[in-house]
Amino acid sequence: LASGERLEEVAKCGAGGTFFLCGEGGDER
């Protein structure tokens, strides 16, 4: 992220895309 916040991969899609949780914390990110 341009902000420098943390990225955590949480899921994917069949076409090679990725879902990330951003920043610190839990599922509320």
PDB file of all heavy atoms in Angstrom:
ATOM      1  N   LEU A   1       0.851  -1.184   0.000  1.00  0.00           N
ATOM      2  CA  LEU A   1       0.000   0.000   0.000  1.00  0.00           C
ATOM      3  C   LEU A   1       0.888   1.235   0.000  1.00  0.00           C
ATOM      4  O   LEU A   1       1.928   1.274   0.669  1.00  0.00           O
ATOM      5  CB  LEU A   1      -0.903   0.021   1.230  1.00  0.00           C
ATOM      6  CG  LEU A   1      -2.095  -0.912   1.199  1.00  0.00           C
ATOM      7  CD1 LEU A   1      -2.808  -0.929   2.542  1.00  0.00           C
ATOM      8  CD2 LEU A   1      -3.064  -0.504   0.092  1.00  0.00           C
ATOM      9  N   ALA A   2       0.479   2.258  -0.748  1.00  0.00           N
ATOM     10  CA  ALA A   2       1.246   3.500  -0.804  1.00  0.00           C
ATOM     11  C   ALA A   2       1.402   4.109   0.589  1.00  0.00           C
ATOM     12  O   ALA A   2       2.409   4.751   0.890  1.00  0.00           O
ATOM     13  CB  ALA A   2       0.568   4.495  -1.746  1.00  0.00           C
ATOM     14  N   SER A   3       0.424   3.879   1.451  1.00  0.00           N
ATOM     15  CA  SER A   3       0.458   4.409   2.813  1.00  0.00           C
ATOM     16  C   SER A   3       1.468   3.701   3.707  1.00  0.00           C
ATOM     17  O   SER A   3       1.783   4.173   4.788  1.00  0.00           O
ATOM     18  CB  SER A   3      -0.929   4.280   3.451  1.00  0.00           C
ATOM     19  OG  SER A   3      -1.232   2.897   3.634  1.00  0.00           O
ATOM     20  N   GLY A   4       1.927   2.535   3.268  1.00  0.00           N
ATOM     21  CA  GLY A   4       2.837   1.734   4.083  1.00  0.00           C
ATOM     22  C   GLY A   4       2.127   0.807   5.046  1.00  0.00           C
ATOM     23  O   GLY A   4       2.775   0.037   5.766  1.00  0.00           O
ATOM     24  N   GLU A   5       0.789   0.863   5.086  1.00  0.00           N
ATOM     25  CA  GLU A   5       0.036  -0.030   5.966  1.00  0.00           C
ATOM     26  C   GLU A   5       0.249  -1.484   5.550  1.00  0.00           C
ATOM     27  O   GLU A   5       0.525  -1.780   4.392  1.00  0.00           O
ATOM     28  CB  GLU A   5      -1.466   0.280   5.905  1.00  0.00           C
ATOM     29  CG  GLU A   5      -1.877   1.533   6.623  1.00  0.00           C
ATOM     30  CD  GLU A   5      -3.380   1.690   6.577  1.00  0.00           C
ATOM     31  OE1 GLU A   5      -4.053   1.173   7.499  1.00  0.00           O
ATOM     32  OE2 GLU A   5      -3.872   2.321   5.628  1.00  0.00           O
ATOM     33  N   ARG A   6       0.062  -2.344   6.499  1.00  0.00           N
ATOM     34  CA  ARG A   6       0.224  -3.787   6.308  1.00  0.00           C
ATOM     35  C   ARG A   6      -0.881  -4.352   5.411  1.00  0.00           C
ATOM     36  O   ARG A   6      -2.017  -3.894   5.447  1.00  0.00           O
ATOM     37  CB  ARG A   6       0.165  -4.433   7.692  1.00  0.00           C
ATOM     38  CG  ARG A   6       0.225  -5.910   7.715  1.00  0.00           C
ATOM     39  CD  ARG A   6       0.256  -6.390   9.182  1.00  0.00           C
ATOM     40  NE  ARG A   6       0.077  -7.816   9.196  1.00  0.00           N
ATOM     41  CZ  ARG A   6      -0.910  -8.447   9.813  1.00  0.00           C
ATOM     42  NH1 ARG A   6      -1.794  -7.771  10.505  1.00  0.00           N
ATOM     43  NH2 ARG A   6      -1.001  -9.745   9.767  1.00  0.00           N
ATOM     44  N   LEU A   7      -0.538  -5.346   4.609  1.00  0.00           N
ATOM     45  CA  LEU A   7      -1.493  -6.107   3.803  1.00  0.00           C
ATOM     46  C   LEU A   7      -1.437  -7.565   4.246  1.00  0.00           C
ATOM     47  O   LEU A   7      -0.353  -8.123   4.390  1.00  0.00           O
ATOM     48  CB  LEU A   7      -1.143  -6.050   2.317  1.00  0.00           C
ATOM     49  CG  LEU A   7      -1.398  -4.755   1.584  1.00  0.00           C
ATOM     50  CD1 LEU A   7      -0.812  -4.823   0.180  1.00  0.00           C
ATOM     51  CD2 LEU A   7      -2.885  -4.466   1.520  1.00  0.00           C
ATOM     52  N   GLU A   8      -2.601  -8.159   4.435  1.00  0.00           N
ATOM     53  CA  GLU A   8      -2.667  -9.582   4.793  1.00  0.00           C
ATOM     54  C   GLU A   8      -3.599 -10.279   3.808  1.00  0.00           C
ATOM     55  O   GLU A   8      -4.783  -9.955   3.716  1.00  0.00           O
ATOM     56  CB  GLU A   8      -3.213  -9.752   6.207  1.00  0.00           C
ATOM     57  CG  GLU A   8      -3.338 -11.199   6.632  1.00  0.00           C
ATOM     58  CD  GLU A   8      -3.990 -11.368   7.990  1.00  0.00           C
ATOM     59  OE1 GLU A   8      -4.033 -10.401   8.778  1.00  0.00           O
ATOM     60  OE2 GLU A   8      -4.465 -12.486   8.257  1.00  0.00           O
ATOM     61  N   GLU A   9      -3.047 -11.229   3.063  1.00  0.00           N
ATOM     62  CA  GLU A   9      -3.859 -11.990   2.114  1.00  0.00           C
ATOM     63  C   GLU A   9      -4.858 -12.828   2.886  1.00  0.00           C
ATOM     64  O   GLU A   9      -4.484 -13.540   3.812  1.00  0.00           O
ATOM     65  CB  GLU A   9      -2.962 -12.876   1.263  1.00  0.00           C
ATOM     66  CG  GLU A   9      -2.015 -12.069   0.399  1.00  0.00           C
ATOM     67  CD  GLU A   9      -0.702 -12.761   0.133  1.00  0.00           C
ATOM     68  OE1 GLU A   9      -0.319 -13.678   0.892  1.00  0.00           O
ATOM     69  OE2 GLU A   9      -0.029 -12.363  -0.833  1.00  0.00           O
ATOM     70  N   VAL A  10      -6.147 -12.729   2.504  1.00  0.00           N
ATOM     71  CA  VAL A  10      -7.179 -13.451   3.244  1.00  0.00           C
ATOM     72  C   VAL A  10      -7.980 -14.386   2.348  1.00  0.00           C
ATOM     73  O   VAL A  10      -8.541 -15.364   2.829  1.00  0.00           O
ATOM     74  CB  VAL A  10      -8.104 -12.481   4.007  1.00  0.00           C
ATOM     75  CG1 VAL A  10      -8.972 -11.670   3.071  1.00  0.00           C
ATOM     76  CG2 VAL A  10      -8.943 -13.206   5.030  1.00  0.00           C
ATOM     77  N   ALA A  11      -8.017 -14.106   1.042  1.00  0.00           N
ATOM     78  CA  ALA A  11      -8.785 -14.951   0.129  1.00  0.00           C
ATOM     79  C   ALA A  11      -8.264 -14.726  -1.292  1.00  0.00           C
ATOM     80  O   ALA A  11      -7.478 -13.812  -1.535  1.00  0.00           O
ATOM     81  CB  ALA A  11     -10.273 -14.628   0.218  1.00  0.00           C
ATOM     82  N   LYS A  12      -8.764 -15.569  -2.194  1.00  0.00           N
ATOM     83  CA  LYS A  12      -8.367 -15.452  -3.592  1.00  0.00           C
ATOM     84  C   LYS A  12      -9.580 -15.683  -4.477  1.00  0.00           C
ATOM     85  O   LYS A  12     -10.637 -16.114  -4.008  1.00  0.00           O
ATOM     86  CB  LYS A  12      -7.282 -16.476  -3.926  1.00  0.00           C
ATOM     87  CG  LYS A  12      -7.751 -17.924  -3.796  1.00  0.00           C
ATOM     88  CD  LYS A  12      -6.640 -18.909  -4.086  1.00  0.00           C
ATOM     89  CE  LYS A  12      -7.139 -20.338  -3.904  1.00  0.00           C
ATOM     90  NZ  LYS A  12      -6.101 -21.315  -4.158  1.00  0.00           N
ATOM     91  N   CYS A  13      -9.406 -15.388  -5.749  1.00  0.00           N
ATOM     92  CA  CYS A  13     -10.440 -15.720  -6.726  1.00  0.00           C
ATOM     93  C   CYS A  13      -9.805 -16.610  -7.788  1.00  0.00           C
ATOM     94  O   CYS A  13      -8.578 -16.686  -7.898  1.00  0.00           O
ATOM     95  CB  CYS A  13     -11.059 -14.469  -7.341  1.00  0.00           C
ATOM     96  SG  CYS A  13     -10.050 -13.656  -8.584  1.00  0.00           S
ATOM     97  N   GLY A  14     -10.630 -17.255  -8.564  1.00  0.00           N
ATOM     98  CA  GLY A  14     -10.152 -18.205  -9.552  1.00  0.00           C
ATOM     99  C   GLY A  14      -9.335 -17.592 -10.674  1.00  0.00           C
ATOM    100  O   GLY A  14      -8.579 -18.283 -11.349  1.00  0.00           O
ATOM    101  N   ALA A  15      -9.467 -16.288 -10.889  1.00  0.00           N
ATOM    102  CA  ALA A  15      -8.742 -15.623 -11.971  1.00  0.00           C
ATOM    103  C   ALA A  15      -7.390 -15.070 -11.518  1.00  0.00           C
ATOM    104  O   ALA A  15      -6.751 -14.326 -12.253  1.00  0.00           O
ATOM    105  CB  ALA A  15      -9.596 -14.497 -12.537  1.00  0.00           C
ATOM    106  N   GLY A  16      -6.964 -15.415 -10.315  1.00  0.00           N
ATOM    107  CA  GLY A  16      -5.658 -14.969  -9.839  1.00  0.00           C
ATOM    108  C   GLY A  16      -5.685 -13.709  -9.001  1.00  0.00           C
ATOM    109  O   GLY A  16      -4.633 -13.189  -8.637  1.00  0.00           O
ATOM    110  N   GLY A  17      -6.860 -13.216  -8.678  1.00  0.00           N
ATOM    111  CA  GLY A  17      -6.965 -12.031  -7.836  1.00  0.00           C
ATOM    112  C   GLY A  17      -6.837 -12.387  -6.365  1.00  0.00           C
ATOM    113  O   GLY A  17      -7.005 -13.541  -5.966  1.00  0.00           O
ATOM    114  N   THR A  18      -6.538 -11.384  -5.578  1.00  0.00           N
ATOM    115  CA  THR A  18      -6.315 -11.573  -4.145  1.00  0.00           C
ATOM    116  C   THR A  18      -7.122 -10.555  -3.348  1.00  0.00           C
ATOM    117  O   THR A  18      -7.200  -9.390  -3.724  1.00  0.00           O
ATOM    118  CB  THR A  18      -4.813 -11.401  -3.813  1.00  0.00           C
ATOM    119  OG1 THR A  18      -4.048 -12.237  -4.665  1.00  0.00           O
ATOM    120  CG2 THR A  18      -4.523 -11.746  -2.368  1.00  0.00           C
ATOM    121  N   PHE A  19      -7.691 -11.013  -2.246  1.00  0.00           N
ATOM    122  CA  PHE A  19      -8.385 -10.150  -1.300  1.00  0.00           C
ATOM    123  C   PHE A  19      -7.453  -9.962  -0.108  1.00  0.00           C
ATOM    124  O   PHE A  19      -6.957 -10.940   0.450  1.00  0.00           O
ATOM    125  CB  PHE A  19      -9.688 -10.797  -0.836  1.00  0.00           C
ATOM    126  CG  PHE A  19     -10.682 -10.993  -1.943  1.00  0.00           C
ATOM    127  CD1 PHE A  19     -10.657 -12.136  -2.727  1.00  0.00           C
ATOM    128  CD2 PHE A  19     -11.656 -10.031  -2.197  1.00  0.00           C
ATOM    129  CE1 PHE A  19     -11.575 -12.329  -3.747  1.00  0.00           C
ATOM    130  CE2 PHE A  19     -12.580 -10.226  -3.210  1.00  0.00           C
ATOM    131  CZ  PHE A  19     -12.539 -11.374  -3.992  1.00  0.00           C
ATOM    132  N   PHE A  20      -7.214  -8.717   0.261  1.00  0.00           N
ATOM    133  CA  PHE A  20      -6.318  -8.372   1.360  1.00  0.00           C
ATOM    134  C   PHE A  20      -7.085  -7.666   2.474  1.00  0.00           C
ATOM    135  O   PHE A  20      -7.943  -6.828   2.200  1.00  0.00           O
ATOM    136  CB  PHE A  20      -5.238  -7.393   0.892  1.00  0.00           C
ATOM    137  CG  PHE A  20      -4.303  -7.898  -0.156  1.00  0.00           C
ATOM    138  CD1 PHE A  20      -4.565  -7.665  -1.504  1.00  0.00           C
ATOM    139  CD2 PHE A  20      -3.150  -8.567   0.189  1.00  0.00           C
ATOM    140  CE1 PHE A  20      -3.692  -8.100  -2.486  1.00  0.00           C
ATOM    141  CE2 PHE A  20      -2.262  -9.012  -0.776  1.00  0.00           C
ATOM    142  CZ  PHE A  20      -2.533  -8.775  -2.130  1.00  0.00           C
ATOM    143  N   LEU A  21      -6.726  -7.954   3.713  1.00  0.00           N
ATOM    144  CA  LEU A  21      -7.117  -7.119   4.843  1.00  0.00           C
ATOM    145  C   LEU A  21      -6.022  -6.075   4.984  1.00  0.00           C
ATOM    146  O   LEU A  21      -4.831  -6.395   4.894  1.00  0.00           O
ATOM    147  CB  LEU A  21      -7.244  -7.943   6.122  1.00  0.00           C
ATOM    148  CG  LEU A  21      -8.397  -8.945   6.154  1.00  0.00           C
ATOM    149  CD1 LEU A  21      -8.310  -9.823   7.396  1.00  0.00           C
ATOM    150  CD2 LEU A  21      -9.730  -8.230   6.101  1.00  0.00           C
ATOM    151  N   CYS A  22      -6.406  -4.821   5.207  1.00  0.00           N
ATOM    152  CA  CYS A  22      -5.454  -3.712   5.250  1.00  0.00           C
ATOM    153  C   CYS A  22      -5.269  -3.178   6.663  1.00  0.00           C
ATOM    154  O   CYS A  22      -6.253  -3.011   7.390  1.00  0.00           O
ATOM    155  CB  CYS A  22      -5.957  -2.566   4.368  1.00  0.00           C
ATOM    156  SG  CYS A  22      -6.252  -3.016   2.661  1.00  0.00           S
ATOM    157  N   GLY A  23      -4.022  -2.899   7.008  1.00  0.00           N
ATOM    158  CA  GLY A  23      -3.726  -2.284   8.286  1.00  0.00           C
ATOM    159  C   GLY A  23      -3.596  -3.288   9.415  1.00  0.00           C
ATOM    160  O   GLY A  23      -3.410  -4.481   9.193  1.00  0.00           O
ATOM    161  N   GLU A  24      -3.699  -2.789  10.621  1.00  0.00           N
ATOM    162  CA  GLU A  24      -3.576  -3.603  11.821  1.00  0.00           C
ATOM    163  C   GLU A  24      -4.952  -3.903  12.386  1.00  0.00           C
ATOM    164  O   GLU A  24      -5.875  -3.124  12.217  1.00  0.00           O
ATOM    165  CB  GLU A  24      -2.735  -2.879  12.878  1.00  0.00           C
ATOM    166  CG  GLU A  24      -1.313  -2.578  12.450  1.00  0.00           C
ATOM    167  CD  GLU A  24      -0.479  -3.811  12.156  1.00  0.00           C
ATOM    168  OE1 GLU A  24      -0.674  -4.844  12.846  1.00  0.00           O
ATOM    169  OE2 GLU A  24       0.348  -3.759  11.233  1.00  0.00           O
ATOM    170  N   GLY A  25      -5.074  -5.006  13.069  1.00  0.00           N
ATOM    171  CA  GLY A  25      -6.329  -5.349  13.706  1.00  0.00           C
ATOM    172  C   GLY A  25      -6.805  -6.716  13.279  1.00  0.00           C
ATOM    173  O   GLY A  25      -6.024  -7.564  12.853  1.00  0.00           O
ATOM    174  N   GLY A  26      -8.114  -6.899  13.352  1.00  0.00           N
ATOM    175  CA  GLY A  26      -8.705  -8.197  13.050  1.00  0.00           C
ATOM    176  C   GLY A  26      -9.580  -8.141  11.815  1.00  0.00           C
ATOM    177  O   GLY A  26      -9.274  -7.455  10.844  1.00  0.00           O
ATOM    178  N   ASP A  27     -10.711  -8.819  11.905  1.00  0.00           N
ATOM    179  CA  ASP A  27     -11.617  -8.956  10.767  1.00  0.00           C
ATOM    180  C   ASP A  27     -12.317  -7.655  10.388  1.00  0.00           C
ATOM    181  O   ASP A  27     -12.958  -7.577   9.351  1.00  0.00           O
ATOM    182  CB  ASP A  27     -12.694 -10.000  11.084  1.00  0.00           C
ATOM    183  CG  ASP A  27     -12.114 -11.377  11.334  1.00  0.00           C
ATOM    184  OD1 ASP A  27     -11.002 -11.668  10.849  1.00  0.00           O
ATOM    185  OD2 ASP A  27     -12.785 -12.166  12.019  1.00  0.00           O
ATOM    186  N   GLU A  28     -12.192  -6.634  11.227  1.00  0.00           N
ATOM    187  CA  GLU A  28     -12.854  -5.363  10.965  1.00  0.00           C
ATOM    188  C   GLU A  28     -12.059  -4.477  10.004  1.00  0.00           C
ATOM    189  O   GLU A  28     -12.520  -3.407   9.599  1.00  0.00           O
ATOM    190  CB  GLU A  28     -13.095  -4.605  12.282  1.00  0.00           C
ATOM    191  CG  GLU A  28     -11.870  -3.934  12.875  1.00  0.00           C
ATOM    192  CD  GLU A  28     -10.837  -4.868  13.519  1.00  0.00           C
ATOM    193  OE1 GLU A  28     -11.112  -6.079  13.689  1.00  0.00           O
ATOM    194  OE2 GLU A  28      -9.742  -4.393  13.853  1.00  0.00           O
ATOM    195  N   ARG A  29     -10.876  -4.921   9.608  1.00  0.00           N
ATOM    196  CA  ARG A  29     -10.024  -4.120   8.725  1.00  0.00           C
ATOM    197  C   ARG A  29     -10.622  -4.005   7.321  1.00  0.00           C
ATOM    198  O   ARG A  29     -11.328  -4.903   6.861  1.00  0.00           O
ATOM    199  CB  ARG A  29      -8.630  -4.750   8.620  1.00  0.00           C
ATOM    200  CG  ARG A  29      -7.861  -4.680   9.913  1.00  0.00           C
ATOM    201  CD  ARG A  29      -6.530  -5.375   9.809  1.00  0.00           C
ATOM    202  NE  ARG A  29      -6.745  -6.832   9.850  1.00  0.00           N
ATOM    203  CZ  ARG A  29      -5.840  -7.716   9.507  1.00  0.00           C
ATOM    204  NH1 ARG A  29      -4.650  -7.341   9.077  1.00  0.00           N
ATOM    205  NH2 ARG A  29      -6.100  -9.007   9.595  1.00  0.00           N
TER     206      ARG A  29
END
